[in-house]
Amino acid sequence: MMMFLHYLKYFMFHGVGLIALAALVAGGPWISLGLAAVLVFYIVGDGLLGDDTTTPTFKHPTILTVQLWMALPLLALIVFAAVWSFSPDDVLSFGARITELTGYDALSARDATFWGHHVSAVVLTGLMIGIIGTITGHELTHRTWDPVSLLVGRWLLAFSFDTVFSIEHVYGHHRYVSTTEDPATAPRGRNVYFHILASTLKGNVSAWKIEKRRLSRKGQSLWSWHNAVIRGHLMSLLLVAFAFAMGGWQAALFFVACGLWGKALLEIVNYMEHYGMVRNPETPVQPRHSWNTNKRISSWTMFNLTRHSHHHAQGEVPYQDLKPFPEAPMMISGYLTTIVVAMIPPLWHKLMTPKVLDWDRRFASDEERQLAAQANARSGIAALNIDRS
């Protein structure tokens, strides 16, 4: 029975997705209530339910892989419902079918939806693109030996215009994490909003260079179908075309807003996973080079992305086998809570500066302490430059 519950807990993320789907279909204030419910579930749940440090052995990993693949149809349905909620037409008679099946007049509710609830729809849909799309796509695109997982993962990332993540993250970020050469690692003192832009631009440039080297080794043309960067962007453009077909430019722009918010969430997560870390790129990546958290709700619904210290020490390990590393440097709280804090820069720096200084004292090697001192001097944060000798 206990082992069954361990399998079941990772299906919790499907439940979160279904709540979002129901809210988008119900329309009106239900959209904003659905968004509030998801935020409360994560923030309060992580705050009250503590940590999960269990490390069960799963004898049927195929179940967990298929569960990851299920994210693609679920996300596609959520995004369809979101775009439908903002379209002038009843695409595929979706609203009529909902009314026929449930007796709830979804079309009338949609047509009466206040503009503020449409803003909530963008936030909620982007959040689902981040949780169901990016997090699952991250796990699947690490499975470079499995073509099905790679394909599903890249389609999930296409919803946030970020299929290049499958290139830069796996072959760039994991090599250069916590160094000045890594676009996704935020230096000390950086503002999260600047990081979203800087990491996005530099990450795309890095992915292009990585793909260029790969194609050169294989003797294939850069400007061809062999280029995974080009193919990936075309995948995202196809999704925009589908949104346009559903409701014209307003529906297409609505989808683009959702996707860009989903992409921004990824960069916020990058920001908080490695903020202020330093490392010589010639030295091995250790668990100390990532901020970790074992909060129960975040861990169960985000496929142990929370166990980031082990993930970066051994990037090929499937999510269900990641260890909690409770002795690793710890984030402020669970993922949604830490995202909210990161989006308030004065609060972020107030809470993270002591953590960064503690990392320097307790986790850094002698060489890293020298790198940390240089990073502190460049940070512009006075509290990082107080002489503690």
Protein backbone atom coordinates (compact mmCIF):
# COMPACT_ATOMS: atom_id res chain seq x y z
CA MET A 1 0.00 0.00 0.00
CA MET A 2 2.79 2.43 0.93
CA MET A 3 4.58 1.78 -2.36
CA PHE A 4 1.34 2.44 -4.26
CA LEU A 5 1.13 5.85 -2.57
CA HIS A 6 4.67 6.65 -3.69
CA TYR A 7 3.61 6.09 -7.30
CA LEU A 8 0.36 7.98 -6.75
CA LYS A 9 1.98 11.09 -5.29
CA TYR A 10 3.63 11.92 -8.61
CA PHE A 11 0.22 11.98 -10.30
CA MET A 12 -0.71 14.94 -8.11
CA PHE A 13 0.53 17.28 -10.81
CA HIS A 14 -2.16 15.95 -13.17
CA GLY A 15 -4.72 16.95 -10.55
CA VAL A 16 -3.32 20.50 -10.47
CA GLY A 17 -3.65 20.63 -14.25
CA LEU A 18 -7.25 19.42 -14.16
CA ILE A 19 -8.14 22.13 -11.61
CA ALA A 20 -6.69 24.75 -13.96
CA LEU A 21 -8.57 23.23 -16.90
CA ALA A 22 -11.88 23.28 -15.02
CA ALA A 23 -11.37 26.91 -14.00
CA LEU A 24 -10.62 28.00 -17.57
CA VAL A 25 -13.68 26.22 -18.94
CA ALA A 26 -15.96 27.57 -16.19
CA GLY A 27 -14.89 31.13 -17.05
CA GLY A 28 -15.62 34.34 -15.17
CA PRO A 29 -14.52 34.52 -11.53
CA TRP A 30 -13.80 30.78 -11.55
CA ILE A 31 -10.61 31.52 -13.48
CA SER A 32 -9.27 33.83 -10.78
CA LEU A 33 -10.44 31.44 -8.06
CA GLY A 34 -8.67 28.59 -9.83
CA LEU A 35 -5.45 30.62 -9.97
CA ALA A 36 -5.78 31.47 -6.28
CA ALA A 37 -6.42 27.82 -5.42
CA VAL A 38 -3.25 26.69 -7.21
CA LEU A 39 -1.12 29.36 -5.52
CA VAL A 40 -2.54 28.57 -2.07
CA PHE A 41 -2.06 24.83 -2.65
CA TYR A 42 1.65 25.30 -3.32
CA ILE A 43 2.56 28.13 -0.97
CA VAL A 44 0.48 27.06 2.04
CA GLY A 45 1.02 23.35 1.35
CA ASP A 46 4.79 23.73 1.32
CA GLY A 47 4.64 25.93 4.40
CA LEU A 48 2.55 23.51 6.46
CA LEU A 49 3.46 20.03 5.23
CA GLY A 50 7.22 20.20 5.61
CA ASP A 51 9.83 18.19 3.77
CA ASP A 52 9.81 14.88 1.93
CA THR A 53 13.14 13.08 2.32
CA THR A 54 11.95 9.59 1.39
CA THR A 55 13.95 7.68 -1.22
CA PRO A 56 11.83 4.65 -2.21
CA THR A 57 12.98 2.18 -4.87
CA PHE A 58 10.57 2.03 -7.80
CA LYS A 59 10.38 -1.38 -9.46
CA HIS A 60 8.16 -0.18 -12.34
CA PRO A 61 9.80 2.99 -13.71
CA THR A 62 7.89 2.66 -16.99
CA ILE A 63 4.75 3.78 -15.15
CA LEU A 64 6.52 6.98 -14.17
CA THR A 65 7.78 7.54 -17.71
CA VAL A 66 4.32 7.13 -19.24
CA GLN A 67 3.05 9.51 -16.58
CA LEU A 68 5.53 12.10 -17.88
CA TRP A 69 4.35 11.58 -21.46
CA MET A 70 0.77 12.21 -20.29
CA ALA A 71 1.77 15.83 -19.66
CA LEU A 72 1.63 16.61 -23.38
CA PRO A 73 -2.08 15.89 -24.01
CA LEU A 74 -2.96 17.45 -20.66
CA LEU A 75 -1.10 20.68 -21.43
CA ALA A 76 -2.48 20.78 -24.97
CA LEU A 77 -6.02 20.56 -23.58
CA ILE A 78 -5.35 23.27 -20.98
CA VAL A 79 -3.91 25.64 -23.57
CA PHE A 80 -6.75 24.88 -25.99
CA ALA A 81 -9.28 25.72 -23.28
CA ALA A 82 -7.40 28.92 -22.43
CA VAL A 83 -7.27 30.10 -26.05
CA TRP A 84 -10.92 29.10 -26.53
CA SER A 85 -11.80 31.22 -23.49
CA PHE A 86 -10.41 34.26 -25.30
CA SER A 87 -11.68 33.44 -28.81
CA PRO A 88 -14.81 34.98 -30.39
CA ASP A 89 -16.00 31.63 -31.79
CA ASP A 90 -16.96 28.33 -30.24
CA VAL A 91 -14.05 26.39 -31.75
CA LEU A 92 -14.92 22.74 -32.47
CA SER A 93 -18.21 23.43 -30.63
CA PHE A 94 -16.21 23.01 -27.43
CA GLY A 95 -18.50 25.17 -25.30
CA ALA A 96 -21.62 23.54 -26.69
CA ARG A 97 -20.23 20.10 -25.89
CA ILE A 98 -19.39 21.16 -22.33
CA THR A 99 -22.94 22.44 -21.88
CA GLU A 100 -24.37 19.23 -23.31
CA LEU A 101 -22.28 17.03 -21.03
CA THR A 102 -22.58 19.02 -17.80
CA GLY A 103 -25.57 21.34 -18.12
CA TYR A 104 -23.28 24.30 -17.38
CA ASP A 105 -23.58 27.12 -19.92
CA ALA A 106 -19.87 27.52 -20.63
CA LEU A 107 -20.41 29.82 -23.61
CA SER A 108 -22.47 32.35 -21.65
CA ALA A 109 -19.94 32.27 -18.81
CA ARG A 110 -17.11 32.83 -21.28
CA ASP A 111 -18.82 35.71 -23.03
CA ALA A 112 -19.53 37.43 -19.71
CA THR A 113 -15.96 37.10 -18.41
CA PHE A 114 -14.52 40.37 -17.06
CA TRP A 115 -11.17 41.45 -18.56
CA GLY A 116 -9.44 41.03 -15.21
CA HIS A 117 -10.27 37.34 -15.23
CA HIS A 118 -8.69 37.07 -18.69
CA VAL A 119 -5.50 38.40 -17.08
CA SER A 120 -5.85 35.63 -14.49
CA ALA A 121 -6.22 33.19 -17.40
CA VAL A 122 -2.87 34.31 -18.83
CA VAL A 123 -1.19 33.93 -15.42
CA LEU A 124 -2.80 30.54 -14.76
CA THR A 125 -2.09 29.17 -18.24
CA GLY A 126 1.51 30.39 -18.16
CA LEU A 127 1.89 28.76 -14.77
CA MET A 128 0.64 25.47 -16.22
CA ILE A 129 2.99 25.85 -19.18
CA GLY A 130 5.79 26.22 -16.64
CA ILE A 131 4.79 23.39 -14.31
CA ILE A 132 3.36 20.85 -16.75
CA GLY A 133 5.37 21.91 -19.80
CA THR A 134 8.81 23.12 -18.78
CA ILE A 135 9.37 20.96 -15.70
CA THR A 136 8.26 17.79 -17.45
CA GLY A 137 10.08 18.79 -20.64
CA HIS A 138 13.21 19.31 -18.54
CA GLU A 139 13.03 15.77 -17.20
CA LEU A 140 12.27 14.20 -20.58
CA THR A 141 14.93 16.03 -22.61
CA HIS A 142 17.60 14.82 -20.20
CA ARG A 143 16.77 11.31 -21.44
CA THR A 144 18.90 11.67 -24.54
CA TRP A 145 18.86 7.91 -25.08
CA ASP A 146 15.05 7.82 -25.49
CA PRO A 147 13.73 9.35 -28.76
CA VAL A 148 10.09 9.26 -27.61
CA SER A 149 10.87 11.17 -24.42
CA LEU A 150 12.97 13.67 -26.37
CA LEU A 151 10.15 14.29 -28.85
CA VAL A 152 7.49 14.68 -26.14
CA GLY A 153 9.81 16.88 -24.09
CA ARG A 154 10.57 19.22 -26.99
CA TRP A 155 6.86 19.61 -27.80
CA LEU A 156 6.22 20.48 -24.16
CA LEU A 157 8.97 23.11 -24.33
CA ALA A 158 7.54 24.48 -27.58
CA PHE A 159 4.60 25.95 -25.63
CA SER A 160 7.03 28.38 -23.98
CA PHE A 161 9.02 29.07 -27.18
CA ASP A 162 11.94 27.34 -25.52
CA THR A 163 12.86 24.15 -27.37
CA VAL A 164 16.46 25.44 -27.31
CA PHE A 165 16.37 24.59 -23.61
CA SER A 166 16.77 20.94 -24.63
CA ILE A 167 20.12 21.90 -26.17
CA GLU A 168 21.57 24.65 -23.99
CA HIS A 169 20.44 23.18 -20.68
CA VAL A 170 21.67 19.64 -21.26
CA TYR A 171 24.93 20.44 -23.07
CA GLY A 172 25.71 23.94 -21.81
CA HIS A 173 24.14 24.70 -18.44
CA HIS A 174 25.07 21.36 -16.89
CA ARG A 175 28.68 21.86 -17.90
CA TYR A 176 29.08 25.49 -16.87
CA VAL A 177 26.58 25.80 -14.00
CA SER A 178 27.56 28.23 -11.24
CA THR A 179 30.28 29.83 -13.38
CA THR A 180 30.42 33.14 -15.21
CA GLU A 181 30.17 31.19 -18.50
CA ASP A 182 26.65 29.93 -17.73
CA PRO A 183 23.80 32.18 -18.97
CA ALA A 184 21.35 30.65 -16.47
CA THR A 185 23.44 31.32 -13.34
CA ALA A 186 22.62 34.74 -11.89
CA PRO A 187 25.59 36.62 -10.40
CA ARG A 188 25.27 38.18 -6.99
CA GLY A 189 23.32 41.42 -6.98
CA ARG A 190 21.50 40.80 -10.27
CA ASN A 191 17.83 41.78 -10.53
CA VAL A 192 15.53 38.90 -11.51
CA TYR A 193 13.85 40.92 -14.27
CA PHE A 194 17.18 41.68 -15.91
CA HIS A 195 18.08 38.01 -15.55
CA ILE A 196 14.98 36.91 -17.47
CA LEU A 197 16.11 38.94 -20.48
CA ALA A 198 19.85 38.26 -20.19
CA SER A 199 19.49 34.52 -19.66
CA THR A 200 16.98 34.19 -22.50
CA LEU A 201 19.17 36.01 -25.02
CA LYS A 202 22.44 34.39 -23.98
CA GLY A 203 20.80 30.97 -23.70
CA ASN A 204 19.57 31.18 -27.30
CA VAL A 205 23.01 32.26 -28.51
CA SER A 206 24.62 29.42 -26.56
CA ALA A 207 22.19 26.84 -27.99
CA TRP A 208 22.89 28.06 -31.52
CA LYS A 209 26.66 27.71 -30.99
CA ILE A 210 26.27 24.22 -29.50
CA GLU A 211 24.08 23.12 -32.42
CA LYS A 212 26.48 24.68 -34.91
CA ARG A 213 29.36 22.62 -33.47
CA ARG A 214 27.26 19.45 -33.54
CA LEU A 215 26.27 19.89 -37.17
CA SER A 216 29.85 20.76 -38.15
CA ARG A 217 31.11 17.52 -36.60
CA LYS A 218 28.50 15.57 -38.58
CA GLY A 219 29.22 17.44 -41.79
CA GLN A 220 25.64 18.75 -42.01
CA SER A 221 24.46 22.19 -43.09
CA LEU A 222 23.66 24.73 -40.40
CA TRP A 223 20.74 26.13 -42.41
CA SER A 224 18.83 22.91 -42.84
CA TRP A 225 16.18 20.68 -41.29
CA HIS A 226 19.00 18.99 -39.35
CA ASN A 227 19.28 22.12 -37.16
CA ALA A 228 17.31 21.38 -33.95
CA VAL A 229 17.18 25.09 -33.07
CA ILE A 230 15.37 25.92 -36.31
CA ARG A 231 13.05 22.90 -36.02
CA GLY A 232 12.22 23.85 -32.45
CA HIS A 233 11.26 27.42 -33.28
CA LEU A 234 9.07 26.14 -36.12
CA MET A 235 7.29 23.90 -33.61
CA SER A 236 6.45 26.96 -31.51
CA LEU A 237 5.34 28.90 -34.58
CA LEU A 238 3.00 26.03 -35.46
CA LEU A 239 1.35 26.39 -32.05
CA VAL A 240 0.92 30.13 -32.66
CA ALA A 241 -0.68 29.28 -36.02
CA PHE A 242 -3.13 26.94 -34.29
CA ALA A 243 -4.07 29.71 -31.85
CA PHE A 244 -4.55 32.10 -34.78
CA ALA A 245 -6.79 29.55 -36.50
CA MET A 246 -8.89 29.35 -33.33
CA GLY A 247 -9.55 33.06 -32.93
CA GLY A 248 -7.45 35.33 -35.12
CA TRP A 249 -4.73 37.68 -33.90
CA GLN A 250 -6.30 38.26 -30.49
CA ALA A 251 -6.18 34.54 -29.74
CA ALA A 252 -2.65 34.26 -31.14
CA LEU A 253 -1.45 37.16 -28.98
CA PHE A 254 -3.18 35.66 -25.96
CA PHE A 255 -1.27 32.40 -26.51
CA VAL A 256 2.00 34.27 -27.02
CA ALA A 257 1.46 36.10 -23.71
CA CYS A 258 0.85 32.78 -21.93
CA GLY A 259 3.92 31.20 -23.51
CA LEU A 260 6.21 34.13 -22.71
CA TRP A 261 5.04 34.11 -19.10
CA GLY A 262 5.81 30.38 -19.01
CA LYS A 263 9.28 31.11 -20.39
CA ALA A 264 9.80 33.89 -17.83
CA LEU A 265 8.94 31.41 -15.07
CA LEU A 266 11.72 29.12 -16.28
CA GLU A 267 14.25 31.93 -16.06
CA ILE A 268 13.00 32.90 -12.59
CA VAL A 269 13.52 29.29 -11.54
CA ASN A 270 17.03 29.33 -13.05
CA TYR A 271 17.64 32.53 -11.10
CA MET A 272 16.70 31.04 -7.75
CA GLU A 273 18.32 27.63 -8.30
CA HIS A 274 21.86 28.97 -8.72
CA TYR A 275 21.81 32.62 -7.63
CA GLY A 276 25.21 33.75 -6.35
CA MET A 277 26.92 30.37 -6.73
CA VAL A 278 30.54 30.35 -7.90
CA ARG A 279 32.71 27.57 -9.31
CA ASN A 280 35.84 27.09 -11.40
CA PRO A 281 34.53 25.52 -14.64
CA GLU A 282 37.48 23.12 -14.60
CA THR A 283 36.30 21.54 -11.33
CA PRO A 284 33.49 18.96 -10.98
CA VAL A 285 29.94 20.10 -10.22
CA GLN A 286 29.07 19.22 -6.63
CA PRO A 287 25.74 19.23 -4.72
CA ARG A 288 26.82 22.50 -3.08
CA HIS A 289 26.57 24.31 -6.42
CA SER A 290 22.75 24.42 -6.44
CA TRP A 291 20.12 25.71 -4.04
CA ASN A 292 18.04 22.75 -2.92
CA THR A 293 14.66 22.26 -1.26
CA ASN A 294 12.73 19.20 -0.12
CA LYS A 295 9.33 20.81 0.42
CA ARG A 296 6.72 18.09 0.06
CA ILE A 297 4.18 19.66 -2.30
CA SER A 298 6.80 21.13 -4.63
CA SER A 299 8.67 17.82 -4.74
CA TRP A 300 5.61 15.69 -5.48
CA THR A 301 4.09 17.94 -8.15
CA MET A 302 7.35 18.97 -9.82
CA PHE A 303 8.99 15.56 -10.22
CA ASN A 304 11.68 16.21 -7.63
CA LEU A 305 13.07 19.20 -9.54
CA THR A 306 13.41 20.48 -5.98
CA ARG A 307 16.24 17.98 -5.41
CA HIS A 308 18.39 20.14 -7.62
CA SER A 309 21.65 19.51 -5.80
CA HIS A 310 21.64 15.82 -6.75
CA HIS A 311 20.31 16.60 -10.23
CA HIS A 312 23.33 18.76 -11.05
CA ALA A 313 25.78 16.36 -9.46
CA GLN A 314 24.34 13.53 -11.62
CA GLY A 315 22.19 14.95 -14.40
CA GLU A 316 21.33 11.58 -15.95
CA VAL A 317 19.57 10.22 -12.83
CA PRO A 318 15.75 9.90 -13.32
CA TYR A 319 13.70 12.15 -11.07
CA GLN A 320 12.31 9.31 -8.93
CA ASP A 321 15.85 8.26 -7.94
CA LEU A 322 17.12 11.67 -6.89
CA LYS A 323 18.27 11.95 -3.28
CA PRO A 324 17.11 14.80 -1.01
CA PHE A 325 20.57 15.98 0.16
CA PRO A 326 19.24 17.70 3.31
CA GLU A 327 22.78 18.92 4.07
CA ALA A 328 22.93 20.91 0.80
CA PRO A 329 22.41 24.72 0.67
CA MET A 330 18.68 25.35 0.94
CA MET A 331 16.31 27.72 -0.85
CA ILE A 332 14.03 30.10 0.99
CA SER A 333 11.12 27.63 0.78
CA GLY A 334 9.28 25.62 -1.88
CA TYR A 335 9.32 26.66 -5.53
CA LEU A 336 6.19 28.83 -5.81
CA THR A 337 7.01 30.62 -2.56
CA THR A 338 10.57 31.28 -3.68
CA ILE A 339 9.34 32.48 -7.11
CA VAL A 340 7.11 35.05 -5.41
CA VAL A 341 9.99 36.23 -3.22
CA ALA A 342 12.35 36.44 -6.22
CA MET A 343 9.87 38.73 -7.98
CA ILE A 344 10.23 41.25 -5.13
CA PRO A 345 13.94 42.17 -5.46
CA PRO A 346 14.37 44.05 -2.12
CA LEU A 347 12.85 41.10 -0.23
CA TRP A 348 14.90 38.62 -2.26
CA HIS A 349 18.21 40.30 -1.48
CA LYS A 350 17.29 40.75 2.17
CA LEU A 351 16.62 37.03 2.54
CA MET A 352 19.30 35.69 0.20
CA THR A 353 22.29 37.81 1.20
CA PRO A 354 22.69 35.97 4.55
CA LYS A 355 22.29 32.64 2.72
CA VAL A 356 24.96 33.56 0.18
CA LEU A 357 27.38 34.59 2.94
CA ASP A 358 26.64 31.35 4.78
CA TRP A 359 27.41 29.46 1.55
CA ASP A 360 30.77 31.22 1.39
CA ARG A 361 31.59 30.17 4.94
CA ARG A 362 30.25 26.62 5.05
CA PHE A 363 30.19 25.26 1.50
CA ALA A 364 32.78 27.04 -0.65
CA SER A 365 36.25 25.65 -1.26
CA ASP A 366 39.27 27.92 -0.71
CA GLU A 367 39.35 28.74 -4.43
CA GLU A 368 35.61 29.42 -4.44
CA ARG A 369 35.96 31.80 -1.51
CA GLN A 370 38.32 33.88 -3.63
CA LEU A 371 35.83 33.79 -6.52
CA ALA A 372 33.06 34.69 -4.04
CA ALA A 373 35.01 37.71 -2.78
CA GLN A 374 35.36 38.96 -6.35
CA ALA A 375 31.63 38.34 -6.98
CA ASN A 376 30.75 40.22 -3.79
CA ALA A 377 32.82 43.21 -4.92
CA ARG A 378 30.98 43.29 -8.24
CA SER A 379 27.52 42.79 -6.69
CA GLY A 380 26.82 46.33 -5.57
CA ILE A 381 25.30 44.94 -2.35
CA ALA A 382 26.93 46.56 0.67
CA ALA A 383 26.08 43.69 3.03
CA LEU A 384 28.12 41.31 0.86
CA ASN A 385 31.21 43.48 1.18
CA ILE A 386 31.49 43.83 4.95
CA ASP A 387 34.92 42.62 6.06
CA ARG A 388 34.34 39.40 8.03
CA SER A 389 37.98 38.41 8.42
